C-alpha cells in the first residue's frame, strides 16, 4: 500500500520543497498527484524535471500542451487527472467545447487539436505501436517530427501523475471539484 498523504511545500522532503512552493504559487495549491510523489525522491525529481523541460523547452503552445495532458488523462481513465487538467485547460484559455469533447472521449472540431488529441490517445492505447497512417495524420495537421517526440514526453509525464492518482485516489482540490469526472462520461461506454 502506498502512502495517501499529500505533501506540500511545508511537509515535503527538503530537495523538493522549493519546487512544490513554485507549484503552489502557479496553481494556488500543490496538485494532489504531485504531493503524493514526494515520498519517492526518484519519482518527484523525475516528474518535476521532465515536466519543467516539457513546459519550458517544448514547442507545443499552452493550449496544445493542455489538450495533450487532458487527452492523456482521459485515455488513462484517471478521474483526478481529468478534473485537474480540465481546470488547467480552461485556465489556459482552451475553448470549453474542446475541453468537453475530450472529456467525453470525442475529438474537438478544431482540426489541429483533434489530430493532437487523437495521436496522443493512440500512443497510450496502442502502447506506442501507432501505424504510419496515424503518424501521417498527425503530421498533416502541421505537427513536426520533434513534436512526435514531445507527445511521448507528455505521455510519460501523464503516466506518472495519472497512475499515482489512479492508485492512491486522492481527493480533488476545491478548485477542481466543479470539473469532477467519471469514466462513464465517455461516449460509447
N, C-alpha and C. Protein backbone atom coordinates (compact mmCIF):
# COMPACT_ATOMS: atom_id res chain seq x y z
N UNK A 1 0.85 -1.18 0.00
CA UNK A 1 0.00 0.00 0.00
C UNK A 1 0.90 1.24 0.00
N UNK A 2 0.57 2.22 -0.83
CA UNK A 2 1.36 3.45 -0.84
C UNK A 2 0.72 4.46 0.11
N UNK A 3 1.51 5.41 0.53
CA UNK A 3 1.01 6.46 1.40
C UNK A 3 0.01 7.32 0.63
N UNK A 4 -1.05 7.67 1.31
CA UNK A 4 -2.04 8.57 0.71
C UNK A 4 -1.92 9.97 1.27
N UNK A 5 -0.79 10.24 1.92
CA UNK A 5 -0.55 11.56 2.47
C UNK A 5 -0.07 12.49 1.37
N UNK A 6 -0.85 13.52 1.12
CA UNK A 6 -0.49 14.51 0.11
C UNK A 6 0.39 15.55 0.80
N UNK A 7 1.62 15.63 0.37
CA UNK A 7 2.57 16.56 0.98
C UNK A 7 2.58 17.87 0.20
N UNK A 8 3.04 18.91 0.87
CA UNK A 8 3.13 20.21 0.23
C UNK A 8 4.50 20.82 0.53
N UNK A 9 4.65 22.12 0.30
CA UNK A 9 5.95 22.76 0.46
C UNK A 9 6.45 22.70 1.91
N UNK A 10 5.56 22.60 2.88
CA UNK A 10 5.97 22.52 4.28
C UNK A 10 6.30 21.09 4.71
N UNK A 11 5.60 20.11 4.17
CA UNK A 11 5.74 18.73 4.65
C UNK A 11 6.55 17.84 3.70
N UNK A 12 6.98 18.39 2.58
CA UNK A 12 7.74 17.60 1.61
C UNK A 12 9.19 17.43 2.00
N UNK A 13 9.88 16.59 1.25
CA UNK A 13 11.31 16.39 1.51
C UNK A 13 12.08 17.63 1.06
N UNK A 14 13.19 17.89 1.70
CA UNK A 14 13.92 19.14 1.50
C UNK A 14 14.23 19.48 0.04
N UNK A 15 14.79 18.59 -0.76
CA UNK A 15 15.13 18.99 -2.13
C UNK A 15 13.91 19.40 -2.98
N UNK A 16 12.72 18.90 -2.63
CA UNK A 16 11.53 19.20 -3.44
C UNK A 16 10.75 20.40 -2.92
N UNK A 17 11.05 20.89 -1.73
CA UNK A 17 10.23 21.95 -1.12
C UNK A 17 10.11 23.20 -1.98
N UNK A 18 11.22 23.65 -2.54
CA UNK A 18 11.19 24.88 -3.35
C UNK A 18 10.34 24.67 -4.60
N UNK A 19 10.45 23.51 -5.20
CA UNK A 19 9.69 23.24 -6.43
C UNK A 19 8.20 23.08 -6.11
N UNK A 20 7.89 22.50 -4.96
CA UNK A 20 6.49 22.40 -4.54
C UNK A 20 5.92 23.79 -4.27
N UNK A 21 6.74 24.66 -3.71
CA UNK A 21 6.30 26.05 -3.49
C UNK A 21 6.04 26.74 -4.82
N UNK A 22 6.88 26.47 -5.82
CA UNK A 22 6.65 27.03 -7.16
C UNK A 22 5.31 26.55 -7.71
N UNK A 23 5.00 25.27 -7.52
CA UNK A 23 3.71 24.73 -7.97
C UNK A 23 2.56 25.41 -7.24
N UNK A 24 2.72 25.58 -5.94
CA UNK A 24 1.65 26.23 -5.17
C UNK A 24 1.44 27.67 -5.66
N UNK A 25 2.53 28.34 -5.97
CA UNK A 25 2.41 29.71 -6.50
C UNK A 25 1.71 29.73 -7.86
N UNK A 26 2.04 28.78 -8.71
CA UNK A 26 1.48 28.73 -10.06
C UNK A 26 0.02 28.29 -10.07
N UNK A 27 -0.33 27.29 -9.26
CA UNK A 27 -1.67 26.70 -9.28
C UNK A 27 -2.58 27.21 -8.17
N UNK A 28 -1.98 27.78 -7.13
CA UNK A 28 -2.75 28.14 -5.95
C UNK A 28 -2.78 27.00 -4.93
N UNK A 29 -2.23 25.86 -5.29
CA UNK A 29 -2.16 24.69 -4.42
C UNK A 29 -1.14 23.72 -5.01
N UNK A 30 -0.69 22.78 -4.22
CA UNK A 30 0.15 21.70 -4.73
C UNK A 30 -0.79 20.62 -5.23
N UNK A 31 -0.78 20.30 -6.52
CA UNK A 31 -1.67 19.25 -7.03
C UNK A 31 -1.47 17.95 -6.26
N UNK A 32 -2.58 17.31 -5.90
CA UNK A 32 -2.53 16.11 -5.06
C UNK A 32 -1.64 15.02 -5.63
N UNK A 33 -1.71 14.78 -6.92
CA UNK A 33 -0.89 13.72 -7.51
C UNK A 33 0.59 14.01 -7.33
N UNK A 34 0.97 15.26 -7.42
CA UNK A 34 2.37 15.63 -7.22
C UNK A 34 2.72 15.52 -5.73
N UNK A 35 1.82 15.95 -4.87
CA UNK A 35 2.06 15.83 -3.43
C UNK A 35 2.20 14.40 -2.96
N UNK A 36 1.60 13.47 -3.69
CA UNK A 36 1.74 12.05 -3.36
C UNK A 36 3.09 11.49 -3.79
N UNK A 37 3.74 12.14 -4.75
CA UNK A 37 5.02 11.66 -5.26
C UNK A 37 6.18 11.93 -4.32
N UNK A 38 6.00 12.84 -3.38
CA UNK A 38 7.11 13.34 -2.58
C UNK A 38 7.80 12.25 -1.76
N UNK A 39 7.09 11.19 -1.41
CA UNK A 39 7.72 10.12 -0.63
C UNK A 39 8.77 9.35 -1.43
N UNK A 40 8.82 9.56 -2.73
CA UNK A 40 9.84 8.93 -3.56
C UNK A 40 10.68 10.01 -4.23
N UNK A 41 11.88 10.27 -3.71
CA UNK A 41 12.73 11.27 -4.36
C UNK A 41 12.95 10.99 -5.85
N UNK A 42 13.07 9.72 -6.22
CA UNK A 42 13.28 9.39 -7.63
C UNK A 42 12.08 9.83 -8.46
N UNK A 43 10.87 9.57 -7.98
CA UNK A 43 9.67 9.92 -8.73
C UNK A 43 9.46 11.43 -8.78
N UNK A 44 9.49 12.10 -7.64
CA UNK A 44 9.21 13.54 -7.62
C UNK A 44 10.25 14.30 -8.44
N UNK A 45 11.51 13.93 -8.31
CA UNK A 45 12.55 14.64 -9.06
C UNK A 45 12.45 14.38 -10.56
N UNK A 46 12.16 13.14 -10.92
CA UNK A 46 11.98 12.81 -12.34
C UNK A 46 10.79 13.57 -12.91
N UNK A 47 9.67 13.55 -12.19
CA UNK A 47 8.48 14.24 -12.67
C UNK A 47 8.72 15.74 -12.83
N UNK A 48 9.23 16.38 -11.77
CA UNK A 48 9.42 17.83 -11.82
C UNK A 48 10.40 18.23 -12.92
N UNK A 49 11.45 17.45 -13.09
CA UNK A 49 12.42 17.75 -14.14
C UNK A 49 11.78 17.58 -15.52
N UNK A 50 11.13 16.44 -15.73
CA UNK A 50 10.51 16.18 -17.04
C UNK A 50 9.44 17.21 -17.36
N UNK A 51 8.59 17.52 -16.38
CA UNK A 51 7.54 18.49 -16.63
C UNK A 51 8.12 19.88 -16.93
N UNK A 52 9.15 20.25 -16.20
CA UNK A 52 9.80 21.54 -16.46
C UNK A 52 10.35 21.63 -17.87
N UNK A 53 11.01 20.58 -18.33
CA UNK A 53 11.54 20.56 -19.70
C UNK A 53 10.41 20.57 -20.72
N UNK A 54 9.37 19.80 -20.46
CA UNK A 54 8.22 19.72 -21.37
C UNK A 54 7.57 21.10 -21.52
N UNK A 55 7.39 21.78 -20.41
CA UNK A 55 6.73 23.08 -20.44
C UNK A 55 7.64 24.18 -20.97
N UNK A 56 8.89 24.20 -20.53
CA UNK A 56 9.77 25.32 -20.85
C UNK A 56 10.53 25.18 -22.17
N UNK A 57 10.79 23.93 -22.60
CA UNK A 57 11.60 23.72 -23.78
C UNK A 57 10.83 23.12 -24.94
N UNK A 58 9.60 22.71 -24.69
CA UNK A 58 8.80 22.10 -25.74
C UNK A 58 8.27 23.13 -26.73
N UNK A 59 7.78 22.64 -27.84
CA UNK A 59 7.31 23.52 -28.90
C UNK A 59 5.78 23.63 -28.98
N UNK A 60 5.07 22.86 -28.15
CA UNK A 60 3.61 22.99 -28.15
C UNK A 60 3.21 24.31 -27.51
N UNK A 61 2.13 24.90 -28.03
CA UNK A 61 1.58 26.09 -27.39
C UNK A 61 0.94 25.68 -26.07
N UNK A 62 0.60 26.65 -25.24
CA UNK A 62 -0.01 26.36 -23.94
C UNK A 62 -1.30 25.56 -24.10
N UNK A 63 -2.14 25.95 -25.07
CA UNK A 63 -3.40 25.22 -25.24
C UNK A 63 -3.15 23.82 -25.81
N UNK A 64 -2.16 23.65 -26.66
CA UNK A 64 -1.83 22.32 -27.18
C UNK A 64 -1.32 21.42 -26.06
N UNK A 65 -0.48 21.97 -25.17
CA UNK A 65 0.01 21.18 -24.02
C UNK A 65 -1.16 20.70 -23.17
N UNK A 66 -2.11 21.59 -22.94
CA UNK A 66 -3.25 21.22 -22.09
C UNK A 66 -4.14 20.18 -22.78
N UNK A 67 -4.33 20.30 -24.09
CA UNK A 67 -5.11 19.30 -24.83
C UNK A 67 -4.41 17.95 -24.74
N UNK A 68 -3.10 17.93 -24.90
CA UNK A 68 -2.34 16.69 -24.80
C UNK A 68 -2.50 16.07 -23.41
N UNK A 69 -2.31 16.85 -22.36
CA UNK A 69 -2.38 16.32 -21.00
C UNK A 69 -3.79 15.86 -20.64
N UNK A 70 -4.81 16.61 -21.07
CA UNK A 70 -6.18 16.20 -20.80
C UNK A 70 -6.53 14.94 -21.59
N UNK A 71 -6.08 14.85 -22.83
CA UNK A 71 -6.32 13.65 -23.64
C UNK A 71 -5.68 12.43 -23.00
N UNK A 72 -4.47 12.61 -22.46
CA UNK A 72 -3.80 11.52 -21.77
C UNK A 72 -4.58 11.08 -20.53
N UNK A 73 -5.08 12.04 -19.77
CA UNK A 73 -5.84 11.72 -18.57
C UNK A 73 -7.08 10.91 -18.90
N UNK A 74 -7.76 11.30 -19.98
CA UNK A 74 -8.96 10.55 -20.41
C UNK A 74 -8.56 9.15 -20.87
N UNK A 75 -7.51 9.05 -21.67
CA UNK A 75 -7.06 7.73 -22.16
C UNK A 75 -6.66 6.82 -21.00
N UNK A 76 -6.10 7.40 -19.94
CA UNK A 76 -5.70 6.63 -18.77
C UNK A 76 -6.83 6.46 -17.75
N UNK A 77 -8.01 7.01 -18.08
CA UNK A 77 -9.19 6.90 -17.21
C UNK A 77 -8.87 7.35 -15.78
N UNK A 78 -8.14 8.46 -15.67
CA UNK A 78 -7.74 9.00 -14.37
C UNK A 78 -8.69 10.12 -13.97
N UNK A 79 -9.59 9.81 -13.06
CA UNK A 79 -10.61 10.78 -12.66
C UNK A 79 -10.01 12.03 -12.05
N UNK A 80 -9.02 11.87 -11.17
CA UNK A 80 -8.38 13.06 -10.59
C UNK A 80 -7.74 13.89 -11.69
N UNK A 81 -6.98 13.24 -12.58
CA UNK A 81 -6.24 13.97 -13.62
C UNK A 81 -7.18 14.66 -14.60
N UNK A 82 -8.28 14.03 -14.96
CA UNK A 82 -9.23 14.70 -15.87
C UNK A 82 -9.77 15.97 -15.23
N UNK A 83 -10.15 15.90 -13.96
CA UNK A 83 -10.66 17.09 -13.28
C UNK A 83 -9.58 18.17 -13.21
N UNK A 84 -8.36 17.78 -12.81
CA UNK A 84 -7.28 18.75 -12.69
C UNK A 84 -6.94 19.38 -14.03
N UNK A 85 -6.78 18.55 -15.08
CA UNK A 85 -6.39 19.10 -16.37
C UNK A 85 -7.54 19.84 -17.05
N UNK A 86 -8.77 19.55 -16.68
CA UNK A 86 -9.88 20.38 -17.14
C UNK A 86 -9.72 21.78 -16.58
N UNK A 87 -9.47 21.86 -15.28
CA UNK A 87 -9.24 23.17 -14.64
C UNK A 87 -8.09 23.90 -15.31
N UNK A 88 -6.97 23.20 -15.52
CA UNK A 88 -5.80 23.81 -16.12
C UNK A 88 -6.08 24.27 -17.56
N UNK A 89 -6.76 23.43 -18.34
CA UNK A 89 -7.06 23.78 -19.73
C UNK A 89 -7.94 25.02 -19.80
N UNK A 90 -8.97 25.07 -18.99
CA UNK A 90 -9.86 26.23 -19.00
C UNK A 90 -9.12 27.48 -18.53
N UNK A 91 -8.25 27.33 -17.54
CA UNK A 91 -7.45 28.45 -17.05
C UNK A 91 -6.50 28.96 -18.13
N UNK A 92 -5.96 28.04 -18.94
CA UNK A 92 -5.04 28.42 -20.03
C UNK A 92 -5.78 28.98 -21.24
N UNK A 93 -7.11 28.98 -21.22
CA UNK A 93 -7.87 29.56 -22.31
C UNK A 93 -8.31 28.60 -23.39
N UNK A 94 -8.19 27.29 -23.14
CA UNK A 94 -8.68 26.31 -24.12
C UNK A 94 -10.21 26.45 -24.16
N UNK A 95 -10.75 26.46 -25.36
CA UNK A 95 -12.19 26.64 -25.51
C UNK A 95 -12.96 25.54 -24.78
N UNK A 96 -14.01 25.91 -24.04
CA UNK A 96 -14.79 24.91 -23.30
C UNK A 96 -15.31 23.77 -24.18
N UNK A 97 -15.66 24.06 -25.45
CA UNK A 97 -16.16 23.00 -26.32
C UNK A 97 -15.07 21.97 -26.63
N UNK A 98 -13.82 22.40 -26.71
CA UNK A 98 -12.69 21.50 -26.93
C UNK A 98 -12.51 20.61 -25.70
N UNK A 99 -12.54 21.23 -24.52
CA UNK A 99 -12.38 20.50 -23.26
C UNK A 99 -13.49 19.47 -23.11
N UNK A 100 -14.72 19.87 -23.36
CA UNK A 100 -15.86 18.97 -23.18
C UNK A 100 -15.82 17.79 -24.16
N UNK A 101 -15.42 18.05 -25.38
CA UNK A 101 -15.31 16.95 -26.36
C UNK A 101 -14.31 15.90 -25.87
N UNK A 102 -13.15 16.35 -25.42
CA UNK A 102 -12.12 15.42 -24.95
C UNK A 102 -12.62 14.66 -23.73
N UNK A 103 -13.26 15.35 -22.80
CA UNK A 103 -13.78 14.69 -21.59
C UNK A 103 -14.79 13.60 -21.94
N UNK A 104 -15.49 13.76 -23.05
CA UNK A 104 -16.48 12.76 -23.47
C UNK A 104 -15.87 11.67 -24.36
N UNK A 105 -14.58 11.76 -24.61
CA UNK A 105 -13.92 10.76 -25.44
C UNK A 105 -14.11 11.02 -26.92
N UNK A 106 -14.45 12.24 -27.28
CA UNK A 106 -14.63 12.61 -28.68
C UNK A 106 -13.49 13.54 -29.09
N UNK A 107 -13.41 13.82 -30.37
CA UNK A 107 -12.39 14.74 -30.86
C UNK A 107 -12.97 16.13 -30.98
N UNK A 108 -12.17 17.15 -30.67
CA UNK A 108 -12.63 18.53 -30.85
C UNK A 108 -12.84 18.84 -32.33
N UNK A 109 -13.62 19.85 -32.62
CA UNK A 109 -13.86 20.26 -34.01
C UNK A 109 -12.64 20.91 -34.64
N UNK A 110 -11.82 21.53 -33.84
CA UNK A 110 -10.59 22.15 -34.33
C UNK A 110 -9.69 21.04 -34.88
N UNK A 111 -9.39 21.11 -36.18
CA UNK A 111 -8.65 20.04 -36.85
C UNK A 111 -7.29 19.76 -36.20
N UNK A 112 -6.55 20.80 -35.90
CA UNK A 112 -5.21 20.63 -35.32
C UNK A 112 -5.28 20.00 -33.93
N UNK A 113 -6.18 20.51 -33.09
CA UNK A 113 -6.32 19.96 -31.74
C UNK A 113 -6.89 18.54 -31.78
N UNK A 114 -7.75 18.26 -32.75
CA UNK A 114 -8.28 16.90 -32.90
C UNK A 114 -7.16 15.93 -33.26
N UNK A 115 -6.27 16.35 -34.15
CA UNK A 115 -5.15 15.48 -34.53
C UNK A 115 -4.22 15.23 -33.35
N UNK A 116 -3.98 16.25 -32.55
CA UNK A 116 -3.14 16.11 -31.36
C UNK A 116 -3.79 15.17 -30.34
N UNK A 117 -5.06 15.37 -30.09
CA UNK A 117 -5.78 14.52 -29.13
C UNK A 117 -5.82 13.07 -29.60
N UNK A 118 -6.14 12.87 -30.87
CA UNK A 118 -6.22 11.51 -31.41
C UNK A 118 -4.86 10.81 -31.36
N UNK A 119 -3.82 11.53 -31.75
CA UNK A 119 -2.50 10.91 -31.78
C UNK A 119 -2.02 10.56 -30.37
N UNK A 120 -2.17 11.49 -29.44
CA UNK A 120 -1.68 11.22 -28.08
C UNK A 120 -2.45 10.06 -27.44
N UNK A 121 -3.76 9.98 -27.69
CA UNK A 121 -4.52 8.86 -27.14
C UNK A 121 -4.12 7.54 -27.80
N UNK A 122 -3.83 7.59 -29.09
CA UNK A 122 -3.37 6.37 -29.78
C UNK A 122 -2.04 5.88 -29.23
N UNK A 123 -1.14 6.80 -28.94
CA UNK A 123 0.16 6.42 -28.38
C UNK A 123 -0.06 5.64 -27.09
N UNK A 124 -0.99 6.10 -26.24
CA UNK A 124 -1.26 5.41 -24.98
C UNK A 124 -1.97 4.08 -25.23
N UNK A 125 -3.06 4.14 -25.97
CA UNK A 125 -3.88 2.94 -26.16
C UNK A 125 -3.15 1.84 -26.93
N UNK A 126 -2.27 2.23 -27.84
CA UNK A 126 -1.53 1.25 -28.64
C UNK A 126 -0.12 1.00 -28.11
N UNK A 127 0.18 1.59 -26.95
CA UNK A 127 1.50 1.45 -26.32
C UNK A 127 2.63 1.79 -27.27
N UNK A 128 2.41 2.87 -28.01
CA UNK A 128 3.43 3.36 -28.94
C UNK A 128 3.44 2.69 -30.30
N UNK A 129 2.60 1.69 -30.49
CA UNK A 129 2.59 0.95 -31.76
C UNK A 129 1.68 1.63 -32.79
N UNK A 130 1.81 2.95 -32.94
CA UNK A 130 1.00 3.66 -33.92
C UNK A 130 1.47 3.31 -35.32
N UNK A 131 0.55 3.33 -36.26
CA UNK A 131 0.93 2.99 -37.63
C UNK A 131 1.25 4.26 -38.43
N UNK A 132 1.71 4.05 -39.63
CA UNK A 132 2.11 5.17 -40.49
C UNK A 132 0.94 6.11 -40.82
N UNK A 133 -0.26 5.57 -40.91
CA UNK A 133 -1.45 6.39 -41.20
C UNK A 133 -1.68 7.39 -40.07
N UNK A 134 -1.60 6.91 -38.81
CA UNK A 134 -1.80 7.80 -37.66
C UNK A 134 -0.70 8.85 -37.58
N UNK A 135 0.52 8.43 -37.82
CA UNK A 135 1.65 9.36 -37.80
C UNK A 135 1.50 10.40 -38.91
N UNK A 136 1.09 9.97 -40.10
CA UNK A 136 0.91 10.90 -41.22
C UNK A 136 -0.22 11.88 -40.94
N UNK A 137 -1.29 11.42 -40.31
CA UNK A 137 -2.41 12.32 -39.99
C UNK A 137 -1.98 13.39 -38.99
N UNK A 138 -1.16 13.00 -38.03
CA UNK A 138 -0.64 13.94 -37.04
C UNK A 138 0.23 15.00 -37.73
N UNK A 139 1.10 14.55 -38.59
CA UNK A 139 1.99 15.48 -39.27
C UNK A 139 1.26 16.31 -40.33
N UNK A 140 0.20 15.75 -40.92
CA UNK A 140 -0.59 16.51 -41.90
C UNK A 140 -1.31 17.68 -41.24
N UNK A 141 -1.54 17.60 -39.93
CA UNK A 141 -2.18 18.69 -39.20
C UNK A 141 -1.18 19.80 -38.85
N UNK A 142 0.06 19.64 -39.31
CA UNK A 142 1.06 20.68 -39.10
C UNK A 142 2.04 20.41 -37.97
N UNK A 143 1.98 19.23 -37.39
CA UNK A 143 2.91 18.89 -36.32
C UNK A 143 4.20 18.32 -36.91
N UNK A 144 5.29 18.52 -36.18
CA UNK A 144 6.62 18.14 -36.66
C UNK A 144 7.07 16.80 -36.07
N UNK A 145 8.16 16.29 -36.62
CA UNK A 145 8.77 15.08 -36.06
C UNK A 145 9.20 15.30 -34.62
N UNK A 146 9.71 16.49 -34.32
CA UNK A 146 10.08 16.82 -32.94
C UNK A 146 8.87 16.72 -32.02
N UNK A 147 7.71 17.15 -32.52
CA UNK A 147 6.51 17.11 -31.68
C UNK A 147 5.99 15.68 -31.48
N UNK A 148 6.31 14.77 -32.37
CA UNK A 148 6.01 13.35 -32.13
C UNK A 148 6.75 12.93 -30.86
N UNK A 149 8.01 13.34 -30.74
CA UNK A 149 8.81 13.00 -29.57
C UNK A 149 8.28 13.71 -28.32
N UNK A 150 7.78 14.93 -28.49
CA UNK A 150 7.21 15.65 -27.34
C UNK A 150 5.92 15.00 -26.86
N UNK A 151 5.15 14.39 -27.76
CA UNK A 151 3.97 13.64 -27.34
C UNK A 151 4.41 12.51 -26.42
N UNK A 152 5.49 11.83 -26.77
CA UNK A 152 6.00 10.74 -25.93
C UNK A 152 6.39 11.29 -24.56
N UNK A 153 7.00 12.45 -24.53
CA UNK A 153 7.34 13.09 -23.26
C UNK A 153 6.07 13.36 -22.44
N UNK A 154 5.05 13.90 -23.08
CA UNK A 154 3.78 14.17 -22.40
C UNK A 154 3.13 12.91 -21.88
N UNK A 155 3.21 11.83 -22.65
CA UNK A 155 2.65 10.55 -22.23
C UNK A 155 3.39 10.05 -20.98
N UNK A 156 4.70 10.20 -20.97
CA UNK A 156 5.49 9.75 -19.81
C UNK A 156 5.15 10.57 -18.57
N UNK A 157 5.04 11.87 -18.72
CA UNK A 157 4.66 12.74 -17.60
C UNK A 157 3.27 12.36 -17.09
N UNK A 158 2.35 12.16 -18.02
CA UNK A 158 0.99 11.80 -17.65
C UNK A 158 0.94 10.46 -16.94
N UNK A 159 1.78 9.52 -17.37
CA UNK A 159 1.79 8.22 -16.70
C UNK A 159 2.11 8.40 -15.22
N UNK A 160 3.04 9.28 -14.91
CA UNK A 160 3.41 9.49 -13.51
C UNK A 160 2.25 10.04 -12.70
N UNK A 161 1.61 11.11 -13.18
CA UNK A 161 0.52 11.71 -12.42
C UNK A 161 -0.75 10.86 -12.47
N UNK A 162 -1.10 10.38 -13.65
CA UNK A 162 -2.33 9.61 -13.80
C UNK A 162 -2.29 8.32 -13.02
N UNK A 163 -1.16 7.61 -13.08
CA UNK A 163 -1.08 6.31 -12.41
C UNK A 163 -1.08 6.45 -10.90
N UNK A 164 -0.34 7.45 -10.38
CA UNK A 164 -0.36 7.62 -8.93
C UNK A 164 -1.75 8.04 -8.46
N UNK A 165 -2.44 8.87 -9.25
CA UNK A 165 -3.80 9.26 -8.89
C UNK A 165 -4.75 8.07 -8.99
N UNK A 166 -4.55 7.21 -9.98
CA UNK A 166 -5.40 6.02 -10.10
C UNK A 166 -5.18 5.05 -8.95
N UNK A 167 -3.95 4.93 -8.49
CA UNK A 167 -3.64 4.01 -7.40
C UNK A 167 -4.08 4.58 -6.05
N UNK A 168 -3.73 5.84 -5.76
CA UNK A 168 -3.98 6.42 -4.44
C UNK A 168 -5.35 7.07 -4.30
N UNK A 169 -5.98 7.44 -5.42
CA UNK A 169 -7.29 8.08 -5.41
C UNK A 169 -7.36 9.28 -4.45
N UNK A 170 -6.53 10.29 -4.70
CA UNK A 170 -6.55 11.46 -3.81
C UNK A 170 -7.85 12.26 -3.98
N UNK A 171 -8.21 13.01 -2.96
CA UNK A 171 -9.39 13.86 -3.10
C UNK A 171 -9.10 14.99 -4.09
N UNK A 172 -10.15 15.45 -4.74
CA UNK A 172 -9.99 16.58 -5.65
C UNK A 172 -9.77 17.86 -4.85
N UNK A 173 -8.95 18.72 -5.38
CA UNK A 173 -8.76 20.03 -4.79
C UNK A 173 -10.05 20.83 -4.98
N UNK A 174 -10.30 21.77 -4.10
CA UNK A 174 -11.54 22.56 -4.18
C UNK A 174 -11.72 23.19 -5.56
N UNK A 175 -10.63 23.70 -6.12
CA UNK A 175 -10.72 24.37 -7.43
C UNK A 175 -11.10 23.40 -8.54
N UNK A 176 -10.77 22.11 -8.38
CA UNK A 176 -11.06 21.11 -9.42
C UNK A 176 -12.42 20.44 -9.22
N UNK A 177 -13.02 20.58 -8.06
CA UNK A 177 -14.30 19.91 -7.78
C UNK A 177 -15.38 20.17 -8.83
N UNK A 178 -15.53 21.40 -9.33
CA UNK A 178 -16.57 21.62 -10.35
C UNK A 178 -16.32 20.84 -11.64
N UNK A 179 -15.13 20.30 -11.80
CA UNK A 179 -14.76 19.59 -13.02
C UNK A 179 -14.63 18.08 -12.80
N UNK A 180 -15.21 17.59 -11.71
CA UNK A 180 -15.09 16.15 -11.43
C UNK A 180 -15.58 15.37 -12.64
N UNK A 181 -15.05 14.17 -12.79
CA UNK A 181 -15.28 13.37 -13.99
C UNK A 181 -15.30 11.91 -13.62
N UNK A 182 -16.06 11.15 -14.36
CA UNK A 182 -16.12 9.70 -14.19
C UNK A 182 -15.99 9.09 -15.58
N UNK A 183 -15.27 7.99 -15.69
CA UNK A 183 -15.06 7.36 -16.99
C UNK A 183 -16.37 7.00 -17.69
N UNK A 184 -17.44 6.90 -16.93
CA UNK A 184 -18.75 6.61 -17.56
C UNK A 184 -19.23 7.75 -18.44
N UNK A 185 -18.57 8.93 -18.33
CA UNK A 185 -18.93 10.06 -19.19
C UNK A 185 -18.44 9.88 -20.61
N UNK A 186 -17.58 8.91 -20.84
CA UNK A 186 -17.08 8.67 -22.19
C UNK A 186 -18.20 8.17 -23.09
N UNK A 187 -18.31 8.76 -24.24
CA UNK A 187 -19.33 8.37 -25.20
C UNK A 187 -19.06 6.93 -25.66
N UNK A 188 -20.09 6.13 -25.73
CA UNK A 188 -19.93 4.78 -26.22
C UNK A 188 -19.59 3.75 -25.16
N UNK A 189 -19.44 4.17 -23.92
CA UNK A 189 -19.14 3.20 -22.84
C UNK A 189 -20.36 3.01 -21.97
